[in-house]
Amino acid sequence: MKLLHWQNGGFVLYYKRLEKGTFAAPAPGDKKQNISWTDLVLMVEGIQVQKSTQKARYRL
């Protein structure tokens, strides 16, 4: 997997190669898909999430 990410200082290229298996990509649909940063990190670490929801956080 290669990921190009923009930060304030410029582009950052992330590269991850698996020894065995494949990455579990999001379900095919539209050609352009957006995934959250959290789901991307889980996918790169090899954790397959069927359904993820993020709870609202409140500050006191």
N, C-alpha and C. Protein backbone atom coordinates (compact mmCIF):
# COMPACT_ATOMS: atom_id res chain seq x y z
N MET A 1 0.84 -1.15 0.00
CA MET A 1 0.00 0.00 0.00
C MET A 1 0.90 1.23 0.00
N LYS A 2 0.60 2.14 -0.83
CA LYS A 2 1.29 3.43 -0.84
C LYS A 2 0.26 4.51 -0.58
N LEU A 3 0.61 5.43 0.29
CA LEU A 3 -0.30 6.50 0.67
C LEU A 3 0.45 7.82 0.60
N LEU A 4 -0.10 8.74 -0.13
CA LEU A 4 0.48 10.08 -0.24
C LEU A 4 -0.37 11.02 0.61
N HIS A 5 0.28 11.68 1.58
CA HIS A 5 -0.44 12.52 2.54
C HIS A 5 0.20 13.90 2.57
N TRP A 6 -0.63 14.93 2.57
CA TRP A 6 -0.14 16.31 2.62
C TRP A 6 -0.07 16.79 4.05
N GLN A 7 1.07 17.34 4.45
CA GLN A 7 1.23 18.01 5.74
C GLN A 7 1.74 19.41 5.46
N ASN A 8 1.83 20.24 6.50
CA ASN A 8 2.25 21.63 6.31
C ASN A 8 3.61 21.75 5.64
N GLY A 9 4.53 20.84 5.92
CA GLY A 9 5.87 20.92 5.36
C GLY A 9 6.00 20.33 3.97
N GLY A 10 4.99 19.63 3.50
CA GLY A 10 5.04 19.01 2.18
C GLY A 10 4.35 17.66 2.21
N PHE A 11 4.60 16.88 1.17
CA PHE A 11 3.98 15.57 1.05
C PHE A 11 4.77 14.54 1.84
N VAL A 12 4.05 13.56 2.38
CA VAL A 12 4.66 12.43 3.08
C VAL A 12 4.19 11.17 2.37
N LEU A 13 5.12 10.26 2.05
CA LEU A 13 4.78 9.01 1.39
C LEU A 13 4.91 7.89 2.40
N TYR A 14 3.80 7.17 2.65
CA TYR A 14 3.80 6.01 3.51
C TYR A 14 3.78 4.78 2.63
N TYR A 15 4.52 3.76 3.03
CA TYR A 15 4.58 2.52 2.25
C TYR A 15 4.53 1.35 3.21
N LYS A 16 3.62 0.42 2.97
CA LYS A 16 3.50 -0.77 3.81
C LYS A 16 3.30 -1.97 2.92
N ARG A 17 4.09 -3.01 3.17
CA ARG A 17 4.00 -4.24 2.39
C ARG A 17 3.74 -5.40 3.34
N LEU A 18 2.78 -6.25 3.01
CA LEU A 18 2.46 -7.40 3.83
C LEU A 18 3.29 -8.61 3.40
N GLU A 19 3.73 -9.42 4.36
CA GLU A 19 4.43 -10.65 4.02
C GLU A 19 3.45 -11.69 3.50
N LYS A 20 2.27 -11.76 4.13
CA LYS A 20 1.22 -12.68 3.70
C LYS A 20 -0.11 -11.95 3.73
N GLY A 21 -1.05 -12.41 2.93
CA GLY A 21 -2.39 -11.85 2.97
C GLY A 21 -2.54 -10.58 2.16
N THR A 22 -3.67 -9.94 2.36
CA THR A 22 -3.98 -8.70 1.64
C THR A 22 -4.61 -7.71 2.60
N PHE A 23 -4.65 -6.47 2.19
CA PHE A 23 -5.36 -5.45 2.95
C PHE A 23 -6.84 -5.58 2.67
N ALA A 24 -7.66 -5.37 3.67
CA ALA A 24 -9.11 -5.40 3.50
C ALA A 24 -9.57 -4.00 3.10
N ALA A 25 -9.73 -3.79 1.82
CA ALA A 25 -10.13 -2.48 1.31
C ALA A 25 -11.62 -2.25 1.57
N PRO A 26 -12.05 -0.99 1.58
CA PRO A 26 -13.49 -0.70 1.73
C PRO A 26 -14.29 -1.33 0.59
N ALA A 27 -15.55 -1.57 0.86
CA ALA A 27 -16.42 -2.19 -0.14
C ALA A 27 -16.46 -1.36 -1.41
N PRO A 28 -16.40 -2.03 -2.58
CA PRO A 28 -16.45 -1.27 -3.84
C PRO A 28 -17.78 -0.58 -4.01
N GLY A 29 -17.73 0.58 -4.57
CA GLY A 29 -18.95 1.36 -4.82
C GLY A 29 -18.58 2.43 -5.82
N ASP A 30 -18.58 3.65 -5.36
CA ASP A 30 -18.15 4.74 -6.21
C ASP A 30 -16.65 4.60 -6.47
N LYS A 31 -16.20 5.18 -7.57
CA LYS A 31 -14.77 5.12 -7.87
C LYS A 31 -13.96 5.92 -6.87
N LYS A 32 -14.52 7.02 -6.37
CA LYS A 32 -13.83 7.84 -5.39
C LYS A 32 -14.42 7.55 -4.02
N GLN A 33 -13.56 7.10 -3.10
CA GLN A 33 -14.03 6.76 -1.77
C GLN A 33 -13.20 7.50 -0.73
N ASN A 34 -13.85 7.94 0.31
CA ASN A 34 -13.16 8.57 1.44
C ASN A 34 -13.31 7.67 2.64
N ILE A 35 -12.21 7.47 3.37
CA ILE A 35 -12.28 6.73 4.62
C ILE A 35 -11.66 7.59 5.71
N SER A 36 -12.07 7.36 6.93
CA SER A 36 -11.55 8.16 8.03
C SER A 36 -10.11 7.75 8.34
N TRP A 37 -9.39 8.64 9.01
CA TRP A 37 -8.01 8.37 9.37
C TRP A 37 -7.95 7.15 10.31
N THR A 38 -8.90 7.04 11.22
CA THR A 38 -8.95 5.91 12.16
C THR A 38 -9.12 4.59 11.41
N ASP A 39 -10.04 4.55 10.45
CA ASP A 39 -10.25 3.33 9.67
C ASP A 39 -9.02 2.99 8.83
N LEU A 40 -8.33 4.00 8.33
CA LEU A 40 -7.11 3.76 7.56
C LEU A 40 -6.03 3.15 8.42
N VAL A 41 -5.84 3.67 9.63
CA VAL A 41 -4.82 3.13 10.53
C VAL A 41 -5.14 1.69 10.88
N LEU A 42 -6.41 1.39 11.17
CA LEU A 42 -6.80 0.02 11.48
C LEU A 42 -6.55 -0.91 10.29
N MET A 43 -6.86 -0.45 9.07
CA MET A 43 -6.66 -1.25 7.88
C MET A 43 -5.17 -1.55 7.68
N VAL A 44 -4.31 -0.56 7.87
CA VAL A 44 -2.87 -0.76 7.70
C VAL A 44 -2.33 -1.72 8.76
N GLU A 45 -2.88 -1.68 9.96
CA GLU A 45 -2.43 -2.58 11.03
C GLU A 45 -3.01 -3.99 10.89
N GLY A 46 -3.92 -4.20 9.92
CA GLY A 46 -4.46 -5.52 9.68
C GLY A 46 -5.70 -5.84 10.48
N ILE A 47 -6.33 -4.84 11.05
CA ILE A 47 -7.55 -5.04 11.83
C ILE A 47 -8.73 -4.75 10.92
N GLN A 48 -9.59 -5.76 10.74
CA GLN A 48 -10.74 -5.60 9.86
C GLN A 48 -11.95 -5.20 10.69
N VAL A 49 -12.53 -4.07 10.36
CA VAL A 49 -13.68 -3.54 11.08
C VAL A 49 -14.91 -3.70 10.20
N GLN A 50 -15.92 -4.39 10.72
CA GLN A 50 -17.15 -4.57 9.96
C GLN A 50 -17.99 -3.30 9.99
N LYS A 51 -18.12 -2.71 11.17
CA LYS A 51 -18.90 -1.49 11.31
C LYS A 51 -18.25 -0.67 12.41
N SER A 52 -17.94 0.58 12.11
CA SER A 52 -17.33 1.42 13.14
C SER A 52 -18.14 2.70 13.29
N THR A 53 -18.30 3.10 14.53
CA THR A 53 -18.96 4.35 14.82
C THR A 53 -18.10 5.09 15.82
N GLN A 54 -18.08 6.38 15.70
CA GLN A 54 -17.29 7.19 16.62
C GLN A 54 -18.25 8.02 17.47
N LYS A 55 -18.11 7.88 18.77
CA LYS A 55 -18.97 8.60 19.70
C LYS A 55 -18.55 10.05 19.80
N ALA A 56 -19.51 10.91 20.05
CA ALA A 56 -19.22 12.34 20.23
C ALA A 56 -18.45 12.53 21.53
N ARG A 57 -17.49 13.41 21.52
CA ARG A 57 -16.72 13.72 22.72
C ARG A 57 -17.06 15.10 23.19
N TYR A 58 -17.17 15.24 24.50
CA TYR A 58 -17.53 16.52 25.08
C TYR A 58 -16.44 16.97 26.02
N ARG A 59 -16.22 18.27 26.05
CA ARG A 59 -15.25 18.85 26.98
C ARG A 59 -16.00 19.47 28.14
N LEU A 60 -15.42 19.38 29.31
CA LEU A 60 -16.04 19.99 30.49
C LEU A 60 -15.61 21.42 30.66
